[in-house]
Amino acid sequence: MFQESEIALLRNRLGWSQYEKELYVNKLDTTNLTSTSGLTLNSFHNLVTVENVFKLIPESNISDVRLNGFLTEMLDTTIIEILNDVLISDSRSAVKKDNASIIVDYGDTGLFDTAIGNCHAIKVIELILSSNRSNREEILAKTSVGQIQAILKGTYTKDGNKLVDGLIHKCANAREEIKTILYGSSKGDAVICDGTNEW
């Protein structure tokens, strides 16, 4: 559906930080360290670290090559999910048929960066919640399952009013922002004036 060059363009926008523990940074190849935007995958949440992923990958004693492959595949899967949602699944996408030119034209602008970073953070946190490795307990001891659920879903008052956006909302909002920029508002192009005095 999407060319490797298109996925690579977006993949290269966000890489892992070089300021993690030296033991884990030394395991990373250039593909996983490349960040042409200056944003790092780690910057979207403090639980998103190479160390956490390394400790929770289903395969223990994983080689550096396999670790890098796992990290790249996780990021590529995130990118493909976002591209499918934005360029294929959305009903407004039928208007613009040339997905390759959209990716090339907007890839370097940073339009996809926030969506990729937040959605990737969700995948790492889901790995924390679903891992069968014994190291999971160590990470969960530092952050309770309730806190992790709040990180994903946000925080609400007893009345159901949202206090803090969770990563799921941030990811969905970032995807909607991409769609709005590419296709226009999903609520129509009507301008709503409520007549309130703004000053």
C-alpha atoms as a PDB file:
ATOM      1  CA  MET A   1       0.000   0.000   0.000  1.00  0.00           C
ATOM      2  CA  PHE A   2       2.752   2.457   0.964  1.00  0.00           C
ATOM      3  CA  GLN A   3       6.275   2.459  -0.419  1.00  0.00           C
ATOM      4  CA  GLU A   4       9.251   1.815   1.859  1.00  0.00           C
ATOM      5  CA  SER A   5      10.650   5.234   0.880  1.00  0.00           C
ATOM      6  CA  GLU A   6       7.461   6.953   2.121  1.00  0.00           C
ATOM      7  CA  ILE A   7       7.549   5.085   5.431  1.00  0.00           C
ATOM      8  CA  ALA A   8      11.300   5.799   5.784  1.00  0.00           C
ATOM      9  CA  LEU A   9      10.682   9.531   5.228  1.00  0.00           C
ATOM     10  CA  LEU A  10       8.346   9.593   8.241  1.00  0.00           C
ATOM     11  CA  ARG A  11      10.431   7.099  10.265  1.00  0.00           C
ATOM     12  CA  ASN A  12      13.497   9.302   9.965  1.00  0.00           C
ATOM     13  CA  ARG A  13      11.610  12.266  11.439  1.00  0.00           C
ATOM     14  CA  LEU A  14      11.627  10.757  14.958  1.00  0.00           C
ATOM     15  CA  GLY A  15      14.379   8.673  16.500  1.00  0.00           C
ATOM     16  CA  TRP A  16      15.378   7.548  19.959  1.00  0.00           C
ATOM     17  CA  SER A  17      17.260   9.977  22.205  1.00  0.00           C
ATOM     18  CA  GLN A  18      21.014   9.638  22.483  1.00  0.00           C
ATOM     19  CA  TYR A  19      20.749  10.733  26.131  1.00  0.00           C
ATOM     20  CA  GLU A  20      19.420   7.482  27.550  1.00  0.00           C
ATOM     21  CA  LYS A  21      21.551   5.131  29.607  1.00  0.00           C
ATOM     22  CA  GLU A  22      24.748   4.458  27.677  1.00  0.00           C
ATOM     23  CA  LEU A  23      24.210   0.693  27.827  1.00  0.00           C
ATOM     24  CA  TYR A  24      21.015   1.008  25.777  1.00  0.00           C
ATOM     25  CA  VAL A  25      22.051   3.832  23.439  1.00  0.00           C
ATOM     26  CA  ASN A  26      25.077   1.786  22.381  1.00  0.00           C
ATOM     27  CA  LYS A  27      22.709  -0.951  21.194  1.00  0.00           C
ATOM     28  CA  LEU A  28      20.954   1.371  18.715  1.00  0.00           C
ATOM     29  CA  ASP A  29      21.826   1.638  15.039  1.00  0.00           C
ATOM     30  CA  THR A  30      21.653   4.799  12.957  1.00  0.00           C
ATOM     31  CA  THR A  31      18.130   3.996  11.747  1.00  0.00           C
ATOM     32  CA  ASN A  32      16.805   4.176  15.297  1.00  0.00           C
ATOM     33  CA  LEU A  33      18.882   7.221  16.279  1.00  0.00           C
ATOM     34  CA  THR A  34      18.028   9.316  13.199  1.00  0.00           C
ATOM     35  CA  SER A  35      15.740  12.253  13.972  1.00  0.00           C
ATOM     36  CA  THR A  36      15.601  14.821  11.178  1.00  0.00           C
ATOM     37  CA  SER A  37      12.919  16.792  13.043  1.00  0.00           C
ATOM     38  CA  GLY A  38      14.899  16.994  16.274  1.00  0.00           C
ATOM     39  CA  LEU A  39      12.046  15.260  18.138  1.00  0.00           C
ATOM     40  CA  THR A  40      12.720  12.003  19.922  1.00  0.00           C
ATOM     41  CA  LEU A  41      10.341   9.155  20.627  1.00  0.00           C
ATOM     42  CA  ASN A  42      11.328   9.395  24.309  1.00  0.00           C
ATOM     43  CA  SER A  43       9.985  12.952  24.533  1.00  0.00           C
ATOM     44  CA  PHE A  44       6.350  11.857  24.276  1.00  0.00           C
ATOM     45  CA  HIS A  45       6.344  10.148  27.680  1.00  0.00           C
ATOM     46  CA  ASN A  46       8.917   9.245  30.326  1.00  0.00           C
ATOM     47  CA  LEU A  47       7.975   5.528  30.186  1.00  0.00           C
ATOM     48  CA  VAL A  48       8.952   5.450  26.507  1.00  0.00           C
ATOM     49  CA  THR A  49      12.578   4.375  26.777  1.00  0.00           C
ATOM     50  CA  VAL A  50      14.772   1.877  24.995  1.00  0.00           C
ATOM     51  CA  GLU A  51      15.513   0.340  28.390  1.00  0.00           C
ATOM     52  CA  ASN A  52      11.816  -0.379  29.030  1.00  0.00           C
ATOM     53  CA  VAL A  53      11.322  -1.840  25.558  1.00  0.00           C
ATOM     54  CA  PHE A  54      14.497  -3.926  25.884  1.00  0.00           C
ATOM     55  CA  LYS A  55      13.374  -5.326  29.234  1.00  0.00           C
ATOM     56  CA  LEU A  56       9.873  -6.152  28.000  1.00  0.00           C
ATOM     57  CA  ILE A  57      10.415  -7.594  24.523  1.00  0.00           C
ATOM     58  CA  PRO A  58       9.027 -11.139  24.521  1.00  0.00           C
ATOM     59  CA  GLU A  59      12.446 -12.549  23.591  1.00  0.00           C
ATOM     60  CA  SER A  60      14.985 -12.377  26.427  1.00  0.00           C
ATOM     61  CA  ASN A  61      18.708 -12.073  25.631  1.00  0.00           C
ATOM     62  CA  ILE A  62      17.873 -10.401  22.326  1.00  0.00           C
ATOM     63  CA  SER A  63      20.770  -9.402  20.076  1.00  0.00           C
ATOM     64  CA  ASP A  64      21.333  -5.767  19.160  1.00  0.00           C
ATOM     65  CA  VAL A  65      20.353  -6.497  15.555  1.00  0.00           C
ATOM     66  CA  ARG A  66      17.037  -8.056  16.611  1.00  0.00           C
ATOM     67  CA  LEU A  67      16.400  -5.220  19.096  1.00  0.00           C
ATOM     68  CA  ASN A  68      16.901  -2.638  16.357  1.00  0.00           C
ATOM     69  CA  GLY A  69      14.618  -4.620  14.062  1.00  0.00           C
ATOM     70  CA  PHE A  70      11.937  -4.744  16.775  1.00  0.00           C
ATOM     71  CA  LEU A  71      12.183  -0.990  17.423  1.00  0.00           C
ATOM     72  CA  THR A  72      12.038  -0.173  13.705  1.00  0.00           C
ATOM     73  CA  GLU A  73       9.100  -2.511  13.155  1.00  0.00           C
ATOM     74  CA  MET A  74       7.192  -0.972  16.079  1.00  0.00           C
ATOM     75  CA  LEU A  75       7.674   2.514  14.634  1.00  0.00           C
ATOM     76  CA  ASP A  76       6.834   1.394  11.082  1.00  0.00           C
ATOM     77  CA  THR A  77       3.629  -0.270  12.313  1.00  0.00           C
ATOM     78  CA  THR A  78       2.635   2.981  14.006  1.00  0.00           C
ATOM     79  CA  ILE A  79       3.311   4.965  10.838  1.00  0.00           C
ATOM     80  CA  ILE A  80       1.321   2.556   8.652  1.00  0.00           C
ATOM     81  CA  GLU A  81      -1.639   2.666  11.059  1.00  0.00           C
ATOM     82  CA  ILE A  82      -1.656   6.469  10.946  1.00  0.00           C
ATOM     83  CA  LEU A  83      -1.323   6.574   7.154  1.00  0.00           C
ATOM     84  CA  ASN A  84      -4.140   4.035   6.762  1.00  0.00           C
ATOM     85  CA  ASP A  85      -6.389   6.053   9.060  1.00  0.00           C
ATOM     86  CA  VAL A  86      -5.602   9.409   7.484  1.00  0.00           C
ATOM     87  CA  LEU A  87      -5.151   8.514   3.818  1.00  0.00           C
ATOM     88  CA  ILE A  88      -7.269   5.381   3.303  1.00  0.00           C
ATOM     89  CA  SER A  89     -10.011   4.956   5.918  1.00  0.00           C
ATOM     90  CA  ASP A  90     -11.230   8.536   6.212  1.00  0.00           C
ATOM     91  CA  SER A  91     -14.165   9.231   3.900  1.00  0.00           C
ATOM     92  CA  ARG A  92     -12.671  12.587   2.927  1.00  0.00           C
ATOM     93  CA  SER A  93      -9.530  10.885   1.588  1.00  0.00           C
ATOM     94  CA  ALA A  94     -11.301   9.865  -1.644  1.00  0.00           C
ATOM     95  CA  VAL A  95     -10.871  13.451  -2.831  1.00  0.00           C
ATOM     96  CA  LYS A  96      -7.074  13.185  -2.826  1.00  0.00           C
ATOM     97  CA  LYS A  97      -6.009  10.001  -4.567  1.00  0.00           C
ATOM     98  CA  ASP A  98      -2.235  10.460  -4.750  1.00  0.00           C
ATOM     99  CA  ASN A  99      -1.106   9.345  -1.295  1.00  0.00           C
ATOM    100  CA  ALA A 100       2.562   9.256  -2.255  1.00  0.00           C
ATOM    101  CA  SER A 101       2.634  12.956  -3.102  1.00  0.00           C
ATOM    102  CA  ILE A 102       0.811  13.816   0.144  1.00  0.00           C
ATOM    103  CA  ILE A 103       3.438  11.946   2.167  1.00  0.00           C
ATOM    104  CA  VAL A 104       6.307  13.515   0.213  1.00  0.00           C
ATOM    105  CA  ASP A 105       4.785  17.026   0.290  1.00  0.00           C
ATOM    106  CA  TYR A 106       3.856  16.991   3.973  1.00  0.00           C
ATOM    107  CA  GLY A 107       6.349  14.488   5.425  1.00  0.00           C
ATOM    108  CA  ASP A 108       9.106  17.008   6.059  1.00  0.00           C
ATOM    109  CA  THR A 109       6.748  19.680   7.399  1.00  0.00           C
ATOM    110  CA  GLY A 110       6.216  17.912  10.719  1.00  0.00           C
ATOM    111  CA  LEU A 111       2.513  17.341  10.065  1.00  0.00           C
ATOM    112  CA  PHE A 112       2.719  13.663  11.039  1.00  0.00           C
ATOM    113  CA  ASP A 113       5.278  13.986  13.878  1.00  0.00           C
ATOM    114  CA  THR A 114       2.931  14.475  16.846  1.00  0.00           C
ATOM    115  CA  ALA A 115       0.591  11.701  15.748  1.00  0.00           C
ATOM    116  CA  ILE A 116       3.504   9.305  15.258  1.00  0.00           C
ATOM    117  CA  GLY A 117       5.075  10.190  18.614  1.00  0.00           C
ATOM    118  CA  ASN A 118       1.873   9.888  20.660  1.00  0.00           C
ATOM    119  CA  CYS A 119       0.651   6.727  18.917  1.00  0.00           C
ATOM    120  CA  HIS A 120       4.098   5.127  19.281  1.00  0.00           C
ATOM    121  CA  ALA A 121       4.061   5.977  23.002  1.00  0.00           C
ATOM    122  CA  ILE A 122       0.764   4.092  23.276  1.00  0.00           C
ATOM    123  CA  LYS A 123       2.409   1.011  21.739  1.00  0.00           C
ATOM    124  CA  VAL A 124       5.282   1.125  24.240  1.00  0.00           C
ATOM    125  CA  ILE A 125       2.897   1.493  27.180  1.00  0.00           C
ATOM    126  CA  GLU A 126       0.734  -1.336  25.835  1.00  0.00           C
ATOM    127  CA  LEU A 127       3.920  -3.431  25.752  1.00  0.00           C
ATOM    128  CA  ILE A 128       4.459  -2.594  29.429  1.00  0.00           C
ATOM    129  CA  LEU A 129       0.918  -3.688  30.274  1.00  0.00           C
ATOM    130  CA  SER A 130       0.940  -6.867  28.189  1.00  0.00           C
ATOM    131  CA  SER A 131       4.462  -8.228  28.667  1.00  0.00           C
ATOM    132  CA  ASN A 132       4.958 -11.644  30.263  1.00  0.00           C
ATOM    133  CA  ARG A 133       8.566 -10.909  31.178  1.00  0.00           C
ATOM    134  CA  SER A 134       9.486 -10.719  34.863  1.00  0.00           C
ATOM    135  CA  ASN A 135      10.971  -7.242  34.307  1.00  0.00           C
ATOM    136  CA  ARG A 136       7.413  -5.977  33.879  1.00  0.00           C
ATOM    137  CA  GLU A 137       6.933  -6.159  37.651  1.00  0.00           C
ATOM    138  CA  GLU A 138       9.923  -3.868  38.196  1.00  0.00           C
ATOM    139  CA  ILE A 139       8.458  -1.217  35.886  1.00  0.00           C
ATOM    140  CA  LEU A 140       4.953  -1.599  37.310  1.00  0.00           C
ATOM    141  CA  ALA A 141       6.365  -1.208  40.825  1.00  0.00           C
ATOM    142  CA  LYS A 142       7.584   2.259  39.864  1.00  0.00           C
ATOM    143  CA  THR A 143       4.303   3.214  38.174  1.00  0.00           C
ATOM    144  CA  SER A 144       1.002   1.681  39.222  1.00  0.00           C
ATOM    145  CA  VAL A 145      -1.375   0.152  36.698  1.00  0.00           C
ATOM    146  CA  GLY A 146      -3.888   2.882  37.594  1.00  0.00           C
ATOM    147  CA  GLN A 147      -1.345   5.568  36.731  1.00  0.00           C
ATOM    148  CA  ILE A 148      -0.560   3.841  33.451  1.00  0.00           C
ATOM    149  CA  GLN A 149      -4.286   3.684  32.612  1.00  0.00           C
ATOM    150  CA  ALA A 150      -4.497   7.430  33.364  1.00  0.00           C
ATOM    151  CA  ILE A 151      -1.517   8.026  31.081  1.00  0.00           C
ATOM    152  CA  LEU A 152      -3.367   6.225  28.291  1.00  0.00           C
ATOM    153  CA  LYS A 153      -6.942   7.394  28.885  1.00  0.00           C
ATOM    154  CA  GLY A 154      -6.497  10.702  30.693  1.00  0.00           C
ATOM    155  CA  THR A 155      -7.769  11.918  34.036  1.00  0.00           C
ATOM    156  CA  TYR A 156     -11.389  12.795  34.760  1.00  0.00           C
ATOM    157  CA  THR A 157     -13.331  14.359  37.630  1.00  0.00           C
ATOM    158  CA  LYS A 158     -16.045  12.428  39.450  1.00  0.00           C
ATOM    159  CA  ASP A 159     -18.541  14.207  37.176  1.00  0.00           C
ATOM    160  CA  GLY A 160     -16.806  12.864  34.083  1.00  0.00           C
ATOM    161  CA  ASN A 161     -15.160  16.123  33.022  1.00  0.00           C
ATOM    162  CA  LYS A 162     -11.745  15.671  31.484  1.00  0.00           C
ATOM    163  CA  LEU A 163      -8.864  17.159  33.462  1.00  0.00           C
ATOM    164  CA  VAL A 164      -5.907  15.847  31.466  1.00  0.00           C
ATOM    165  CA  ASP A 165      -5.748  14.355  27.981  1.00  0.00           C
ATOM    166  CA  GLY A 166      -4.376  10.836  27.827  1.00  0.00           C
ATOM    167  CA  LEU A 167      -2.136   9.561  25.050  1.00  0.00           C
ATOM    168  CA  ILE A 168      -5.130   7.977  23.301  1.00  0.00           C
ATOM    169  CA  HIS A 169      -6.831  11.376  23.054  1.00  0.00           C
ATOM    170  CA  LYS A 170      -3.602  13.082  22.004  1.00  0.00           C
ATOM    171  CA  CYS A 171      -3.092  10.495  19.272  1.00  0.00           C
ATOM    172  CA  ALA A 172      -6.691  10.829  18.029  1.00  0.00           C
ATOM    173  CA  ASN A 173      -6.500  14.639  18.114  1.00  0.00           C
ATOM    174  CA  ALA A 174      -3.213  14.645  16.202  1.00  0.00           C
ATOM    175  CA  ARG A 175      -4.711  12.346  13.552  1.00  0.00           C
ATOM    176  CA  GLU A 176      -7.775  14.595  13.268  1.00  0.00           C
ATOM    177  CA  GLU A 177      -5.520  17.636  12.908  1.00  0.00           C
ATOM    178  CA  ILE A 178      -3.758  15.955   9.969  1.00  0.00           C
ATOM    179  CA  LYS A 179      -7.127  15.188   8.344  1.00  0.00           C
ATOM    180  CA  THR A 180      -8.316  18.757   8.870  1.00  0.00           C
ATOM    181  CA  ILE A 181      -5.181  20.173   7.244  1.00  0.00           C
ATOM    182  CA  LEU A 182      -5.386  17.757   4.318  1.00  0.00           C
ATOM    183  CA  TYR A 183      -9.162  17.664   3.743  1.00  0.00           C
ATOM    184  CA  GLY A 184     -10.747  20.514   5.680  1.00  0.00           C
ATOM    185  CA  SER A 185     -12.928  20.376   8.760  1.00  0.00           C
ATOM    186  CA  SER A 186     -15.039  17.282   9.321  1.00  0.00           C
ATOM    187  CA  LYS A 187     -17.753  19.529  10.729  1.00  0.00           C
ATOM    188  CA  GLY A 188     -18.199  21.376   7.471  1.00  0.00           C
ATOM    189  CA  ASP A 189     -16.626  24.653   6.504  1.00  0.00           C
ATOM    190  CA  ALA A 190     -19.170  26.775   8.360  1.00  0.00           C
ATOM    191  CA  VAL A 191     -17.796  29.469  10.626  1.00  0.00           C
ATOM    192  CA  ILE A 192     -19.578  29.604  13.961  1.00  0.00           C
ATOM    193  CA  CYS A 193     -19.968  32.993  15.590  1.00  0.00           C
ATOM    194  CA  ASP A 194     -21.377  32.899  19.095  1.00  0.00           C
ATOM    195  CA  GLY A 195     -21.522  36.659  19.594  1.00  0.00           C
ATOM    196  CA  THR A 196     -19.522  36.736  22.830  1.00  0.00           C
ATOM    197  CA  ASN A 197     -17.289  39.655  23.538  1.00  0.00           C
ATOM    198  CA  GLU A 198     -13.690  38.373  23.463  1.00  0.00           C
ATOM    199  CA  TRP A 199     -12.110  41.332  25.073  1.00  0.00           C
END
